[in-house]
PDB file of N, CA and C in Angstrom:
ATOM      1  N   UNK A   1     168.768 118.211 180.212  1.00  0.00           N
ATOM      2  CA  UNK A   1     168.654 119.622 180.562  1.00  0.00           C
ATOM      3  C   UNK A   1     169.461 120.461 179.567  1.00  0.00           C
ATOM      4  N   UNK A   2     168.963 121.629 179.310  1.00  0.00           N
ATOM      5  CA  UNK A   2     169.561 122.518 178.313  1.00  0.00           C
ATOM      6  C   UNK A   2     170.994 122.903 178.689  1.00  0.00           C
ATOM      7  N   UNK A   3     171.215 123.255 179.939  1.00  0.00           N
ATOM      8  CA  UNK A   3     172.543 123.703 180.381  1.00  0.00           C
ATOM      9  C   UNK A   3     173.585 122.608 180.154  1.00  0.00           C
ATOM     10  N   UNK A   4     173.241 121.369 180.464  1.00  0.00           N
ATOM     11  CA  UNK A   4     174.181 120.265 180.266  1.00  0.00           C
ATOM     12  C   UNK A   4     174.499 120.071 178.777  1.00  0.00           C
ATOM     13  N   UNK A   5     173.468 120.140 177.932  1.00  0.00           N
ATOM     14  CA  UNK A   5     173.705 119.987 176.484  1.00  0.00           C
ATOM     15  C   UNK A   5     174.624 121.077 175.956  1.00  0.00           C
ATOM     16  N   UNK A   6     174.357 122.304 176.361  1.00  0.00           N
ATOM     17  CA  UNK A   6     175.188 123.416 175.895  1.00  0.00           C
ATOM     18  C   UNK A   6     176.615 123.309 176.446  1.00  0.00           C
ATOM     19  N   UNK A   7     176.740 122.842 177.679  1.00  0.00           N
ATOM     20  CA  UNK A   7     178.074 122.635 178.261  1.00  0.00           C
ATOM     21  C   UNK A   7     178.854 121.623 177.442  1.00  0.00           C
ATOM     22  N   UNK A   8     178.216 120.517 177.079  1.00  0.00           N
ATOM     23  CA  UNK A   8     178.875 119.498 176.254  1.00  0.00           C
ATOM     24  C   UNK A   8     179.276 120.066 174.893  1.00  0.00           C
ATOM     25  N   UNK A   9     178.431 120.873 174.305  1.00  0.00           N
ATOM     26  CA  UNK A   9     178.755 121.481 173.017  1.00  0.00           C
ATOM     27  C   UNK A   9     179.956 122.411 173.134  1.00  0.00           C
ATOM     28  N   UNK A  10     180.018 123.170 174.210  1.00  0.00           N
ATOM     29  CA  UNK A  10     181.159 124.057 174.422  1.00  0.00           C
ATOM     30  C   UNK A  10     182.437 123.254 174.626  1.00  0.00           C
ATOM     31  N   UNK A  11     182.352 122.182 175.376  1.00  0.00           N
ATOM     32  CA  UNK A  11     183.529 121.333 175.595  1.00  0.00           C
ATOM     33  C   UNK A  11     184.027 120.705 174.289  1.00  0.00           C
ATOM     34  N   UNK A  12     183.130 120.412 173.374  1.00  0.00           N
ATOM     35  CA  UNK A  12     183.518 119.826 172.093  1.00  0.00           C
ATOM     36  C   UNK A  12     184.346 120.787 171.249  1.00  0.00           C
ATOM     37  N   UNK A  13     184.080 122.090 171.365  1.00  0.00           N
ATOM     38  CA  UNK A  13     184.807 123.063 170.540  1.00  0.00           C
ATOM     39  C   UNK A  13     185.959 123.727 171.283  1.00  0.00           C
ATOM     40  N   UNK A  14     186.055 123.488 172.598  1.00  0.00           N
ATOM     41  CA  UNK A  14     187.115 124.137 173.367  1.00  0.00           C
ATOM     42  C   UNK A  14     187.768 123.165 174.346  1.00  0.00           C
ATOM     43  N   UNK A  15     188.890 122.573 173.950  1.00  0.00           N
ATOM     44  CA  UNK A  15     189.570 121.606 174.813  1.00  0.00           C
ATOM     45  C   UNK A  15     190.314 122.256 175.984  1.00  0.00           C
ATOM     46  N   UNK A  16     190.367 123.581 176.033  1.00  0.00           N
ATOM     47  CA  UNK A  16     191.078 124.273 177.103  1.00  0.00           C
ATOM     48  C   UNK A  16     190.232 124.439 178.361  1.00  0.00           C
ATOM     49  N   UNK A  17     188.955 124.149 178.280  1.00  0.00           N
ATOM     50  CA  UNK A  17     188.060 124.328 179.412  1.00  0.00           C
ATOM     51  C   UNK A  17     187.818 123.019 180.146  1.00  0.00           C
ATOM     52  N   UNK A  18     187.756 123.111 181.461  1.00  0.00           N
ATOM     53  CA  UNK A  18     187.304 121.968 182.246  1.00  0.00           C
ATOM     54  C   UNK A  18     185.779 121.938 182.158  1.00  0.00           C
ATOM     55  N   UNK A  19     185.184 120.851 182.583  1.00  0.00           N
ATOM     56  CA  UNK A  19     183.720 120.773 182.562  1.00  0.00           C
ATOM     57  C   UNK A  19     183.114 121.850 183.459  1.00  0.00           C
ATOM     58  N   UNK A  20     183.729 122.084 184.608  1.00  0.00           N
ATOM     59  CA  UNK A  20     183.233 123.101 185.541  1.00  0.00           C
ATOM     60  C   UNK A  20     183.275 124.499 184.912  1.00  0.00           C
ATOM     61  N   UNK A  21     184.386 124.825 184.262  1.00  0.00           N
ATOM     62  CA  UNK A  21     184.494 126.144 183.630  1.00  0.00           C
ATOM     63  C   UNK A  21     183.527 126.292 182.464  1.00  0.00           C
ATOM     64  N   UNK A  22     183.364 125.233 181.691  1.00  0.00           N
ATOM     65  CA  UNK A  22     182.430 125.288 180.560  1.00  0.00           C
ATOM     66  C   UNK A  22     181.008 125.526 181.061  1.00  0.00           C
ATOM     67  N   UNK A  23     180.621 124.830 182.106  1.00  0.00           N
ATOM     68  CA  UNK A  23     179.272 125.022 182.665  1.00  0.00           C
ATOM     69  C   UNK A  23     179.119 126.438 183.211  1.00  0.00           C
ATOM     70  N   UNK A  24     180.144 126.937 183.872  1.00  0.00           N
ATOM     71  CA  UNK A  24     180.091 128.301 184.395  1.00  0.00           C
ATOM     72  C   UNK A  24     179.909 129.292 183.259  1.00  0.00           C
ATOM     73  N   UNK A  25     180.650 129.104 182.166  1.00  0.00           N
ATOM     74  CA  UNK A  25     180.493 129.981 181.003  1.00  0.00           C
ATOM     75  C   UNK A  25     179.067 129.956 180.483  1.00  0.00           C
ATOM     76  N   UNK A  26     178.495 128.766 180.344  1.00  0.00           N
ATOM     77  CA  UNK A  26     177.133 128.646 179.827  1.00  0.00           C
ATOM     78  C   UNK A  26     176.151 129.358 180.756  1.00  0.00           C
ATOM     79  N   UNK A  27     176.305 129.159 182.048  1.00  0.00           N
ATOM     80  CA  UNK A  27     175.413 129.810 183.004  1.00  0.00           C
ATOM     81  C   UNK A  27     175.559 131.332 182.959  1.00  0.00           C
ATOM     82  N   UNK A  28     176.792 131.817 182.827  1.00  0.00           N
ATOM     83  CA  UNK A  28     177.018 133.268 182.726  1.00  0.00           C
ATOM     84  C   UNK A  28     176.420 133.835 181.447  1.00  0.00           C
ATOM     85  N   UNK A  29     176.661 133.173 180.338  1.00  0.00           N
ATOM     86  CA  UNK A  29     176.116 133.652 179.067  1.00  0.00           C
ATOM     87  C   UNK A  29     174.598 133.654 179.095  1.00  0.00           C
ATOM     88  N   UNK A  30     174.024 132.608 179.651  1.00  0.00           N
ATOM     89  CA  UNK A  30     172.570 132.498 179.729  1.00  0.00           C
ATOM     90  C   UNK A  30     171.984 133.647 180.553  1.00  0.00           C
ATOM     91  N   UNK A  31     172.492 133.826 181.746  1.00  0.00           N
ATOM     92  CA  UNK A  31     171.931 134.866 182.621  1.00  0.00           C
ATOM     93  C   UNK A  31     172.194 136.265 182.075  1.00  0.00           C
ATOM     94  N   UNK A  32     173.374 136.505 181.524  1.00  0.00           N
ATOM     95  CA  UNK A  32     173.667 137.819 180.946  1.00  0.00           C
ATOM     96  C   UNK A  32     172.763 138.117 179.753  1.00  0.00           C
ATOM     97  N   UNK A  33     172.552 137.117 178.895  1.00  0.00           N
ATOM     98  CA  UNK A  33     171.695 137.344 177.735  1.00  0.00           C
ATOM     99  C   UNK A  33     170.271 137.675 178.174  1.00  0.00           C
ATOM    100  N   UNK A  34     169.719 136.875 179.083  1.00  0.00           N
ATOM    101  CA  UNK A  34     168.339 137.115 179.492  1.00  0.00           C
ATOM    102  C   UNK A  34     168.191 138.448 180.219  1.00  0.00           C
ATOM    103  N   UNK A  35     169.171 138.815 181.046  1.00  0.00           N
ATOM    104  CA  UNK A  35     169.102 140.098 181.758  1.00  0.00           C
ATOM    105  C   UNK A  35     169.203 141.265 180.778  1.00  0.00           C
ATOM    106  N   UNK A  36     170.115 141.174 179.843  1.00  0.00           N
ATOM    107  CA  UNK A  36     170.293 142.245 178.858  1.00  0.00           C
ATOM    108  C   UNK A  36     169.057 142.372 177.977  1.00  0.00           C
ATOM    109  N   UNK A  37     168.496 141.254 177.575  1.00  0.00           N
ATOM    110  CA  UNK A  37     167.303 141.242 176.742  1.00  0.00           C
ATOM    111  C   UNK A  37     166.138 141.908 177.487  1.00  0.00           C
ATOM    112  N   UNK A  38     165.999 141.586 178.770  1.00  0.00           N
ATOM    113  CA  UNK A  38     164.925 142.172 179.583  1.00  0.00           C
ATOM    114  C   UNK A  38     165.141 143.675 179.794  1.00  0.00           C
ATOM    115  N   UNK A  39     166.382 144.073 180.065  1.00  0.00           N
ATOM    116  CA  UNK A  39     166.686 145.496 180.270  1.00  0.00           C
ATOM    117  C   UNK A  39     166.400 146.317 179.018  1.00  0.00           C
ATOM    118  N   UNK A  40     166.498 145.678 177.869  1.00  0.00           N
ATOM    119  CA  UNK A  40     166.229 146.362 176.609  1.00  0.00           C
ATOM    120  C   UNK A  40     164.726 146.491 176.352  1.00  0.00           C
ATOM    121  N   UNK A  41     163.916 145.953 177.281  1.00  0.00           N
ATOM    122  CA  UNK A  41     162.476 146.059 177.152  1.00  0.00           C
ATOM    123  C   UNK A  41     161.846 145.039 176.226  1.00  0.00           C
ATOM    124  N   UNK A  42     162.574 144.008 175.912  1.00  0.00           N
ATOM    125  CA  UNK A  42     162.067 142.975 175.005  1.00  0.00           C
ATOM    126  C   UNK A  42     161.189 141.980 175.766  1.00  0.00           C
ATOM    127  N   UNK A  43     160.234 141.410 175.074  1.00  0.00           N
ATOM    128  CA  UNK A  43     159.377 140.378 175.656  1.00  0.00           C
ATOM    129  C   UNK A  43     160.168 139.085 175.792  1.00  0.00           C
ATOM    130  N   UNK A  44     159.898 138.353 176.866  1.00  0.00           N
ATOM    131  CA  UNK A  44     160.567 137.073 177.078  1.00  0.00           C
ATOM    132  C   UNK A  44     160.114 136.087 176.009  1.00  0.00           C
ATOM    133  N   UNK A  45     161.070 135.471 175.343  1.00  0.00           N
ATOM    134  CA  UNK A  45     160.756 134.563 174.237  1.00  0.00           C
ATOM    135  C   UNK A  45     160.981 133.104 174.605  1.00  0.00           C
ATOM    136  N   UNK A  46     161.274 132.834 175.854  1.00  0.00           N
ATOM    137  CA  UNK A  46     161.391 131.466 176.327  1.00  0.00           C
ATOM    138  C   UNK A  46     162.783 130.895 176.256  1.00  0.00           C
ATOM    139  N   UNK A  47     162.970 129.768 176.934  1.00  0.00           N
ATOM    140  CA  UNK A  47     164.298 129.150 176.991  1.00  0.00           C
ATOM    141  C   UNK A  47     164.788 128.638 175.642  1.00  0.00           C
ATOM    142  N   UNK A  48     163.879 128.305 174.751  1.00  0.00           N
ATOM    143  CA  UNK A  48     164.297 127.821 173.435  1.00  0.00           C
ATOM    144  C   UNK A  48     165.041 128.908 172.666  1.00  0.00           C
ATOM    145  N   UNK A  49     164.562 130.145 172.789  1.00  0.00           N
ATOM    146  CA  UNK A  49     165.212 131.266 172.115  1.00  0.00           C
ATOM    147  C   UNK A  49     166.597 131.515 172.709  1.00  0.00           C
ATOM    148  N   UNK A  50     166.685 131.523 174.042  1.00  0.00           N
ATOM    149  CA  UNK A  50     167.978 131.722 174.696  1.00  0.00           C
ATOM    150  C   UNK A  50     168.935 130.602 174.314  1.00  0.00           C
ATOM    151  N   UNK A  51     168.472 129.379 174.281  1.00  0.00           N
ATOM    152  CA  UNK A  51     169.317 128.248 173.875  1.00  0.00           C
ATOM    153  C   UNK A  51     169.852 128.451 172.460  1.00  0.00           C
ATOM    154  N   UNK A  52     169.002 128.917 171.562  1.00  0.00           N
ATOM    155  CA  UNK A  52     169.424 129.159 170.182  1.00  0.00           C
ATOM    156  C   UNK A  52     170.541 130.198 170.120  1.00  0.00           C
ATOM    157  N   UNK A  53     170.397 131.280 170.875  1.00  0.00           N
ATOM    158  CA  UNK A  53     171.411 132.336 170.896  1.00  0.00           C
ATOM    159  C   UNK A  53     172.722 131.815 171.475  1.00  0.00           C
ATOM    160  N   UNK A  54     172.657 131.109 172.600  1.00  0.00           N
ATOM    161  CA  UNK A  54     173.872 130.569 173.233  1.00  0.00           C
ATOM    162  C   UNK A  54     174.551 129.587 172.290  1.00  0.00           C
ATOM    163  N   UNK A  55     173.789 128.774 171.593  1.00  0.00           N
ATOM    164  CA  UNK A  55     174.367 127.822 170.635  1.00  0.00           C
ATOM    165  C   UNK A  55     175.102 128.571 169.512  1.00  0.00           C
ATOM    166  N   UNK A  56     174.535 129.667 169.049  1.00  0.00           N
ATOM    167  CA  UNK A  56     175.203 130.470 168.022  1.00  0.00           C
ATOM    168  C   UNK A  56     176.515 131.034 168.556  1.00  0.00           C
ATOM    169  N   UNK A  57     176.503 131.477 169.803  1.00  0.00           N
ATOM    170  CA  UNK A  57     177.730 132.014 170.403  1.00  0.00           C
ATOM    171  C   UNK A  57     178.787 130.923 170.553  1.00  0.00           C
ATOM    172  N   UNK A  58     178.362 129.728 170.928  1.00  0.00           N
ATOM    173  CA  UNK A  58     179.305 128.609 171.036  1.00  0.00           C
ATOM    174  C   UNK A  58     179.949 128.351 169.682  1.00  0.00           C
ATOM    175  N   UNK A  59     179.137 128.321 168.639  1.00  0.00           N
ATOM    176  CA  UNK A  59     179.662 128.073 167.292  1.00  0.00           C
ATOM    177  C   UNK A  59     180.621 129.172 166.842  1.00  0.00           C
ATOM    178  N   UNK A  60     180.312 130.420 167.199  1.00  0.00           N
ATOM    179  CA  UNK A  60     181.134 131.550 166.754  1.00  0.00           C
ATOM    180  C   UNK A  60     182.359 131.797 167.631  1.00  0.00           C
ATOM    181  N   UNK A  61     182.201 131.687 168.936  1.00  0.00           N
ATOM    182  CA  UNK A  61     183.250 132.125 169.866  1.00  0.00           C
ATOM    183  C   UNK A  61     183.729 131.050 170.834  1.00  0.00           C
ATOM    184  N   UNK A  62     183.083 129.902 170.850  1.00  0.00           N
ATOM    185  CA  UNK A  62     183.375 128.873 171.848  1.00  0.00           C
ATOM    186  C   UNK A  62     184.815 128.418 171.901  1.00  0.00           C
ATOM    187  N   UNK A  63     185.465 128.328 170.759  1.00  0.00           N
ATOM    188  CA  UNK A  63     186.841 127.843 170.720  1.00  0.00           C
ATOM    189  C   UNK A  63     187.846 128.766 171.375  1.00  0.00           C
ATOM    190  N   UNK A  64     187.478 130.029 171.553  1.00  0.00           N
ATOM    191  CA  UNK A  64     188.415 130.995 172.136  1.00  0.00           C
ATOM    192  C   UNK A  64     187.848 131.684 173.381  1.00  0.00           C
ATOM    193  N   UNK A  65     186.741 131.196 173.891  1.00  0.00           N
ATOM    194  CA  UNK A  65     186.083 131.870 175.009  1.00  0.00           C
ATOM    195  C   UNK A  65     186.970 131.914 176.259  1.00  0.00           C
ATOM    196  N   UNK A  66     187.846 130.943 176.411  1.00  0.00           N
ATOM    197  CA  UNK A  66     188.736 130.915 177.575  1.00  0.00           C
ATOM    198  C   UNK A  66     189.690 132.112 177.584  1.00  0.00           C
ATOM    199  N   UNK A  67     189.975 132.692 176.429  1.00  0.00           N
ATOM    200  CA  UNK A  67     190.873 133.849 176.347  1.00  0.00           C
ATOM    201  C   UNK A  67     190.201 135.122 176.859  1.00  0.00           C
ATOM    202  N   UNK A  68     188.897 135.161 176.843  1.00  0.00           N
ATOM    203  CA  UNK A  68     188.145 136.341 177.253  1.00  0.00           C
ATOM    204  C   UNK A  68     188.268 136.623 178.745  1.00  0.00           C
ATOM    205  N   UNK A  69     188.236 135.600 179.569  1.00  0.00           N
ATOM    206  CA  UNK A  69     188.243 135.784 181.021  1.00  0.00           C
ATOM    207  C   UNK A  69     189.486 136.510 181.500  1.00  0.00           C
ATOM    208  N   UNK A  70     190.610 136.227 180.906  1.00  0.00           N
ATOM    209  CA  UNK A  70     191.850 136.869 181.317  1.00  0.00           C
ATOM    210  C   UNK A  70     191.860 138.360 181.069  1.00  0.00           C
ATOM    211  N   UNK A  71     191.046 138.809 180.132  1.00  0.00           N
ATOM    212  CA  UNK A  71     190.984 140.227 179.796  1.00  0.00           C
ATOM    213  C   UNK A  71     189.797 140.934 180.437  1.00  0.00           C
ATOM    214  N   UNK A  72     188.936 140.199 181.123  1.00  0.00           N
ATOM    215  CA  UNK A  72     187.751 140.795 181.700  1.00  0.00           C
ATOM    216  C   UNK A  72     187.609 140.403 183.165  1.00  0.00           C
ATOM    217  N   UNK A  73     187.971 141.317 184.066  1.00  0.00           N
ATOM    218  CA  UNK A  73     187.927 140.992 185.493  1.00  0.00           C
ATOM    219  C   UNK A  73     186.518 140.695 186.010  1.00  0.00           C
ATOM    220  N   UNK A  74     185.490 141.122 185.289  1.00  0.00           N
ATOM    221  CA  UNK A  74     184.109 140.821 185.690  1.00  0.00           C
ATOM    222  C   UNK A  74     183.881 139.313 185.753  1.00  0.00           C
ATOM    223  N   UNK A  75     184.545 138.573 184.862  1.00  0.00           N
ATOM    224  CA  UNK A  75     184.347 137.129 184.792  1.00  0.00           C
ATOM    225  C   UNK A  75     185.513 136.322 185.350  1.00  0.00           C
ATOM    226  N   UNK A  76     186.683 136.883 185.405  1.00  0.00           N
ATOM    227  CA  UNK A  76     187.875 136.120 185.787  1.00  0.00           C
ATOM    228  C   UNK A  76     187.710 135.413 187.124  1.00  0.00           C
ATOM    229  N   UNK A  77     187.205 136.108 188.133  1.00  0.00           N
ATOM    230  CA  UNK A  77     187.066 135.489 189.461  1.00  0.00           C
ATOM    231  C   UNK A  77     186.020 134.376 189.471  1.00  0.00           C
ATOM    232  N   UNK A  78     185.060 134.444 188.595  1.00  0.00           N
ATOM    233  CA  UNK A  78     184.038 133.404 188.522  1.00  0.00           C
ATOM    234  C   UNK A  78     184.534 132.131 187.847  1.00  0.00           C
ATOM    235  N   UNK A  79     185.579 132.272 187.065  1.00  0.00           N
ATOM    236  CA  UNK A  79     186.092 131.129 186.316  1.00  0.00           C
ATOM    237  C   UNK A  79     187.377 130.561 186.898  1.00  0.00           C
ATOM    238  N   UNK A  80     187.808 131.072 188.030  1.00  0.00           N
ATOM    239  CA  UNK A  80     189.011 130.582 188.688  1.00  0.00           C
ATOM    240  C   UNK A  80     188.656 129.328 189.485  1.00  0.00           C
ATOM    241  N   UNK A  81     189.262 128.204 189.121  1.00  0.00           N
ATOM    242  CA  UNK A  81     188.953 126.942 189.792  1.00  0.00           C
ATOM    243  C   UNK A  81     189.818 126.683 191.020  1.00  0.00           C
ATOM    244  N   UNK A  82     190.794 127.491 191.236  1.00  0.00           N
ATOM    245  CA  UNK A  82     191.699 127.229 192.350  1.00  0.00           C
ATOM    246  C   UNK A  82     191.103 127.703 193.651  1.00  0.00           C
TER     247      UNK A  82
END
């Protein structure tokens, strides 16, 4: 499954994330990208396109993505494992 592959890729570049947090990040990025793309009036280009974009984000920002949640309350509560 795509989500599992992307989760593993994120875990490879970010040792600060648990598997649960990495999967949550992937699911959030996926849904936010598709919602934003749709709101912009763009045609749906399929899961392969979304996977490509998420993979690019992992390569660019994956190593520091854990730092983002602390500064953004929109995501902080979703990534709290306690």
